[in-house]
Amino acid sequence: MGCRTFWQMTQPIESYVGRCVSQSIAGSGVSPKSVNYIVFSTMDNNLRHLDVNFARNILEELGLVNCVPVFVSMQQCASSLAALNYARGLFLDPNVNHVLVVAFDFVVEDADRIQPFALFGDAVTSCMMVRGAETGLSLLSYGVNMDFAGLLGRDNFESRKRLVLTTQDGALKESSTHLDDVEMCFSTNFYKPISLFNAGVSGIKRNRLCVETLNTRAHCGNCDWMLNLMHYQECVGLTRGKKYLVQAFAPGFFACGLLESC
């Protein structure tokens, strides 16, 4: 099925989030005091397992003393793309220059890891968004839609296909991009046959789909597209001027965004 191992957290989630965000801050060269917002995302079933002082503890540990915390959830594995788009909107305020986006997901009961569509792993991913950055990735467009029947488990192939194509076509149109212009697609790490099927529905050719972290990390909830993008960046590299599609599938939801390397 394309998955041999998975990652499992053995420490409190705060320790993993703190370590990951610290690396993003260090890699960006931005002072913690200069970060304006931090936008967290996770699947909604994890919200009840967070410490009531979760955000405060992270801010204190990392010295984010001028940083406003925000939480985005309720869109399952699509929540991180919603968080990325929300973060983009924060830059409409001319006083905002640096925003952290942090996605994380974890499984509390090991019996819940094995599902018909995926094997679940645990992960944290983060990135720094910077106003006027001369290098990195720029979010050109974003789209999300919901199929209520899918939330109830009553959708079908045709309704899922409409959801995917309507959302993706809208995001591509917003950025005046044709699907053939997309260099690579980074998507959700379902079992490989399902991932390949979803790619086919999206019109993504097999050699343009990157779900390489499925093999070693499994399906890490709303972290997958970022994990796959980072893996590709490390192993292959992103090409300046090329466009990349990011996707997130979830029951009843589909989200996608178009990124450009600069």
Protein backbone atom coordinates (compact mmCIF):
# COMPACT_ATOMS: atom_id res chain seq x y z
CA MET A 1 0.00 0.00 0.00
CA GLY A 2 3.07 2.23 -0.12
CA CYS A 3 3.58 2.63 3.63
CA ARG A 4 6.14 0.69 5.66
CA THR A 5 6.68 2.77 8.81
CA PHE A 6 5.18 5.72 10.67
CA TRP A 7 6.33 8.40 13.08
CA GLN A 8 5.08 8.31 16.67
CA MET A 9 5.41 11.06 19.25
CA THR A 10 6.59 9.90 22.67
CA GLN A 11 6.79 13.34 24.32
CA PRO A 12 4.19 16.09 24.88
CA ILE A 13 3.13 17.81 21.65
CA GLU A 14 4.54 21.14 22.88
CA SER A 15 8.11 19.80 22.76
CA TYR A 16 7.78 18.86 19.08
CA VAL A 17 6.04 22.09 18.14
CA GLY A 18 8.67 24.15 19.96
CA ARG A 19 11.55 22.35 18.27
CA CYS A 20 10.00 22.62 14.79
CA VAL A 21 9.07 26.30 15.08
CA SER A 22 12.49 27.11 16.51
CA GLN A 23 14.09 25.66 13.39
CA SER A 24 11.81 27.71 11.13
CA ILE A 25 12.68 30.89 13.00
CA ALA A 26 16.41 30.15 12.85
CA GLY A 27 16.27 29.27 9.15
CA SER A 28 14.44 32.49 8.30
CA GLY A 29 16.88 34.77 10.07
CA VAL A 30 13.94 36.60 11.66
CA SER A 31 14.14 37.62 15.30
CA PRO A 32 11.45 36.01 17.48
CA LYS A 33 10.51 39.50 18.68
CA SER A 34 9.74 40.48 15.06
CA VAL A 35 7.13 37.77 14.46
CA ASN A 36 3.66 39.31 14.37
CA TYR A 37 1.43 36.22 14.28
CA ILE A 38 1.63 32.46 14.71
CA VAL A 39 -1.16 30.47 13.06
CA PHE A 40 -1.65 26.90 14.30
CA SER A 41 -3.70 24.19 12.59
CA THR A 42 -4.71 20.64 13.47
CA MET A 43 -7.57 18.22 13.00
CA ASP A 44 -10.45 19.05 15.32
CA ASN A 45 -10.35 15.73 17.21
CA ASN A 46 -6.96 16.78 18.64
CA LEU A 47 -8.15 20.06 20.13
CA ARG A 48 -9.37 18.46 23.37
CA HIS A 49 -5.93 16.93 23.97
CA LEU A 50 -4.09 20.27 24.03
CA ASP A 51 -3.06 21.90 27.28
CA VAL A 52 -5.15 24.96 28.11
CA ASN A 53 -1.91 26.99 28.05
CA PHE A 54 -0.65 25.44 24.81
CA ALA A 55 -0.20 28.70 22.88
CA ARG A 56 1.17 30.64 25.87
CA ASN A 57 3.77 27.94 26.56
CA ILE A 58 5.00 27.99 22.95
CA LEU A 59 5.21 31.78 22.85
CA GLU A 60 7.10 31.90 26.14
CA GLU A 61 9.52 29.13 25.23
CA LEU A 62 10.49 30.70 21.90
CA GLY A 63 10.50 34.35 22.96
CA LEU A 64 7.60 35.28 20.67
CA VAL A 65 6.72 38.20 22.91
CA ASN A 66 5.04 40.33 20.22
CA CYS A 67 3.27 37.46 18.47
CA VAL A 68 -0.51 37.02 18.33
CA PRO A 69 -1.59 33.34 18.33
CA VAL A 70 -4.41 32.09 16.09
CA PHE A 71 -5.90 28.60 15.73
CA VAL A 72 -7.46 27.19 12.54
CA SER A 73 -9.27 23.84 12.61
CA MET A 74 -12.55 22.09 11.74
CA GLN A 75 -11.44 21.31 8.15
CA GLN A 76 -9.59 18.12 9.11
CA CYS A 77 -6.58 17.48 6.83
CA ALA A 78 -7.36 20.66 4.88
CA SER A 79 -6.86 22.88 7.94
CA SER A 80 -3.20 23.73 7.24
CA LEU A 81 -3.99 25.14 3.80
CA ALA A 82 -6.74 27.22 5.39
CA ALA A 83 -4.13 28.42 7.90
CA LEU A 84 -1.71 29.30 5.08
CA ASN A 85 -4.38 31.30 3.28
CA TYR A 86 -5.42 33.01 6.53
CA ALA A 87 -1.79 33.95 7.12
CA ARG A 88 -1.58 35.43 3.63
CA GLY A 89 -4.57 37.64 4.44
CA LEU A 90 -2.82 39.02 7.54
CA PHE A 91 -0.37 40.83 5.28
CA LEU A 92 -3.16 43.17 4.20
CA ASP A 93 -2.23 44.97 7.41
CA PRO A 94 0.87 47.03 6.47
CA ASN A 95 2.25 46.55 9.98
CA VAL A 96 2.48 42.76 9.58
CA ASN A 97 5.82 41.54 8.24
CA HIS A 98 6.37 38.04 9.64
CA VAL A 99 3.86 35.23 10.21
CA LEU A 100 4.54 31.66 11.33
CA VAL A 101 2.28 28.83 10.12
CA VAL A 102 2.41 25.64 12.20
CA ALA A 103 0.57 22.41 11.35
CA PHE A 104 0.55 19.39 13.62
CA ASP A 105 -1.35 16.15 14.06
CA PHE A 106 -1.01 13.13 16.31
CA VAL A 107 -2.83 9.95 17.28
CA VAL A 108 -3.70 9.37 20.94
CA GLU A 109 -4.82 5.72 20.75
CA ASP A 110 -2.62 3.46 18.61
CA ALA A 111 -5.65 1.38 17.65
CA ASP A 112 -6.88 4.43 15.71
CA ARG A 113 -3.78 4.58 13.48
CA ILE A 114 -4.97 1.98 10.97
CA GLN A 115 -7.87 3.21 8.88
CA PRO A 116 -9.32 1.92 5.58
CA PHE A 117 -7.82 4.85 3.66
CA ALA A 118 -4.50 5.46 5.47
CA LEU A 119 -2.05 4.57 8.21
CA PHE A 120 -1.69 7.56 10.54
CA GLY A 121 1.60 8.96 11.79
CA ASP A 122 2.45 11.97 13.96
CA ALA A 123 4.17 15.13 12.75
CA VAL A 124 4.69 18.87 13.10
CA THR A 125 5.53 21.16 10.18
CA SER A 126 6.05 24.92 10.11
CA CYS A 127 7.10 27.74 7.83
CA MET A 128 7.79 31.45 8.07
CA MET A 129 5.94 33.85 5.80
CA VAL A 130 7.84 37.10 5.18
CA ARG A 131 6.64 40.29 3.49
CA GLY A 132 8.60 41.04 0.32
CA ALA A 133 10.80 37.94 0.54
CA GLU A 134 13.13 37.64 -2.47
CA THR A 135 13.55 33.87 -2.15
CA GLY A 136 11.24 31.04 -1.16
CA LEU A 137 7.66 30.30 -2.21
CA SER A 138 4.77 32.65 -2.85
CA LEU A 139 1.12 31.64 -2.46
CA LEU A 140 -0.56 32.78 -5.68
CA SER A 141 -4.04 31.39 -5.15
CA TYR A 142 -6.10 29.17 -2.89
CA GLY A 143 -9.39 27.34 -3.04
CA VAL A 144 -11.50 25.24 -0.69
CA ASN A 145 -14.98 23.77 -0.93
CA MET A 146 -17.15 21.45 1.12
CA ASP A 147 -19.47 18.61 0.19
CA PHE A 148 -21.90 18.25 3.09
CA ALA A 149 -22.80 14.71 2.04
CA GLY A 150 -19.12 13.86 2.48
CA LEU A 151 -19.21 15.08 6.07
CA LEU A 152 -22.00 12.58 6.67
CA GLY A 153 -20.26 9.78 4.79
CA ARG A 154 -22.91 9.85 2.06
CA ASP A 155 -20.92 11.23 -0.87
CA ASN A 156 -20.06 9.25 -3.98
CA PHE A 157 -17.44 9.25 -6.71
CA GLU A 158 -19.22 11.84 -8.83
CA SER A 159 -19.76 14.30 -5.97
CA ARG A 160 -16.12 13.96 -4.85
CA LYS A 161 -14.94 14.51 -8.42
CA ARG A 162 -17.05 17.66 -8.76
CA LEU A 163 -15.69 18.95 -5.46
CA VAL A 164 -12.08 18.43 -6.52
CA LEU A 165 -12.38 19.82 -10.04
CA THR A 166 -14.49 22.84 -9.06
CA THR A 167 -12.03 23.82 -6.32
CA GLN A 168 -8.87 23.17 -8.29
CA ASP A 169 -10.12 24.84 -11.46
CA GLY A 170 -11.03 27.92 -9.44
CA ALA A 171 -7.59 28.16 -7.85
CA LEU A 172 -5.83 27.70 -11.19
CA LYS A 173 -8.06 30.29 -12.85
CA GLU A 174 -7.39 32.80 -10.07
CA SER A 175 -3.66 32.61 -10.79
CA SER A 176 -4.08 32.38 -14.59
CA THR A 177 -2.39 28.99 -14.60
CA HIS A 178 -3.07 25.87 -16.64
CA LEU A 179 -2.62 22.47 -15.02
CA ASP A 180 0.06 21.61 -17.59
CA ASP A 181 2.12 24.52 -16.23
CA VAL A 182 2.37 22.88 -12.79
CA GLU A 183 5.79 21.39 -12.18
CA MET A 184 4.84 19.09 -9.27
CA CYS A 185 1.89 18.38 -7.01
CA PHE A 186 2.21 17.76 -3.26
CA SER A 187 -0.80 16.01 -1.79
CA THR A 188 -2.25 13.91 1.05
CA ASN A 189 -0.53 10.66 2.03
CA PHE A 190 -3.36 8.19 1.75
CA TYR A 191 -2.47 4.61 0.82
CA LYS A 192 -0.69 4.76 -2.53
CA PRO A 193 -3.54 3.33 -4.67
CA ILE A 194 -5.90 5.93 -3.22
CA SER A 195 -3.35 8.73 -3.67
CA LEU A 196 -2.85 7.76 -7.31
CA PHE A 197 -6.60 7.54 -7.84
CA ASN A 198 -7.13 11.01 -6.36
CA ALA A 199 -4.36 12.37 -8.58
CA GLY A 200 -6.11 10.92 -11.61
CA VAL A 201 -9.36 12.59 -10.59
CA SER A 202 -7.47 15.87 -10.26
CA GLY A 203 -5.88 15.47 -13.69
CA ILE A 204 -2.41 15.13 -12.14
CA LYS A 205 -0.06 12.84 -14.05
CA ARG A 206 1.61 10.14 -11.98
CA ASN A 207 5.12 11.55 -12.57
CA ARG A 208 3.94 14.94 -11.28
CA LEU A 209 2.62 13.65 -7.94
CA CYS A 210 4.89 13.71 -4.91
CA VAL A 211 3.77 11.63 -1.92
CA GLU A 212 7.26 10.38 -1.12
CA THR A 213 6.96 10.69 2.66
CA LEU A 214 4.13 8.13 2.67
CA ASN A 215 6.69 5.32 2.76
CA THR A 216 8.41 6.37 5.98
CA ARG A 217 6.04 8.75 7.78
CA ALA A 218 2.54 7.58 6.79
CA HIS A 219 -0.42 9.98 6.74
CA CYS A 220 0.29 12.81 9.16
CA GLY A 221 -3.04 14.58 8.94
CA ASN A 222 -2.88 18.18 7.83
CA CYS A 223 0.95 18.10 7.64
CA ASP A 224 1.25 15.93 4.53
CA TRP A 225 1.49 18.46 1.71
CA MET A 226 4.18 20.42 3.56
CA LEU A 227 6.14 17.27 4.42
CA ASN A 228 6.12 16.21 0.78
CA LEU A 229 7.08 19.67 -0.43
CA MET A 230 10.02 19.87 1.99
CA HIS A 231 11.17 16.37 1.04
CA TYR A 232 11.11 17.30 -2.65
CA GLN A 233 12.92 20.57 -1.96
CA GLU A 234 15.69 18.72 -0.10
CA CYS A 235 16.06 15.85 -2.58
CA VAL A 236 15.37 17.52 -5.94
CA GLY A 237 15.12 21.26 -5.36
CA LEU A 238 12.59 23.87 -6.41
CA THR A 239 13.13 25.77 -9.65
CA ARG A 240 12.86 29.55 -9.64
CA GLY A 241 9.81 30.68 -11.60
CA LYS A 242 8.13 27.25 -11.57
CA LYS A 243 4.67 26.70 -10.12
CA TYR A 244 3.72 23.96 -7.66
CA LEU A 245 0.29 22.69 -6.63
CA VAL A 246 -0.50 21.71 -3.04
CA GLN A 247 -3.59 19.67 -2.19
CA ALA A 248 -5.42 18.44 0.90
CA PHE A 249 -8.16 15.81 0.86
CA ALA A 250 -10.49 15.23 3.82
CA PRO A 251 -13.98 13.78 4.32
CA GLY A 252 -16.27 16.43 2.89
CA PHE A 253 -13.44 18.87 2.10
CA PHE A 254 -10.94 19.54 -0.64
CA ALA A 255 -8.44 22.41 -0.58
CA CYS A 256 -5.62 23.37 -2.88
CA GLY A 257 -3.18 26.19 -3.41
CA LEU A 258 -0.79 27.28 -6.12
CA LEU A 259 2.75 28.21 -5.11
CA GLU A 260 5.48 29.84 -7.16
CA SER A 261 9.19 29.50 -6.43
CA CYS A 262 11.03 32.82 -6.33
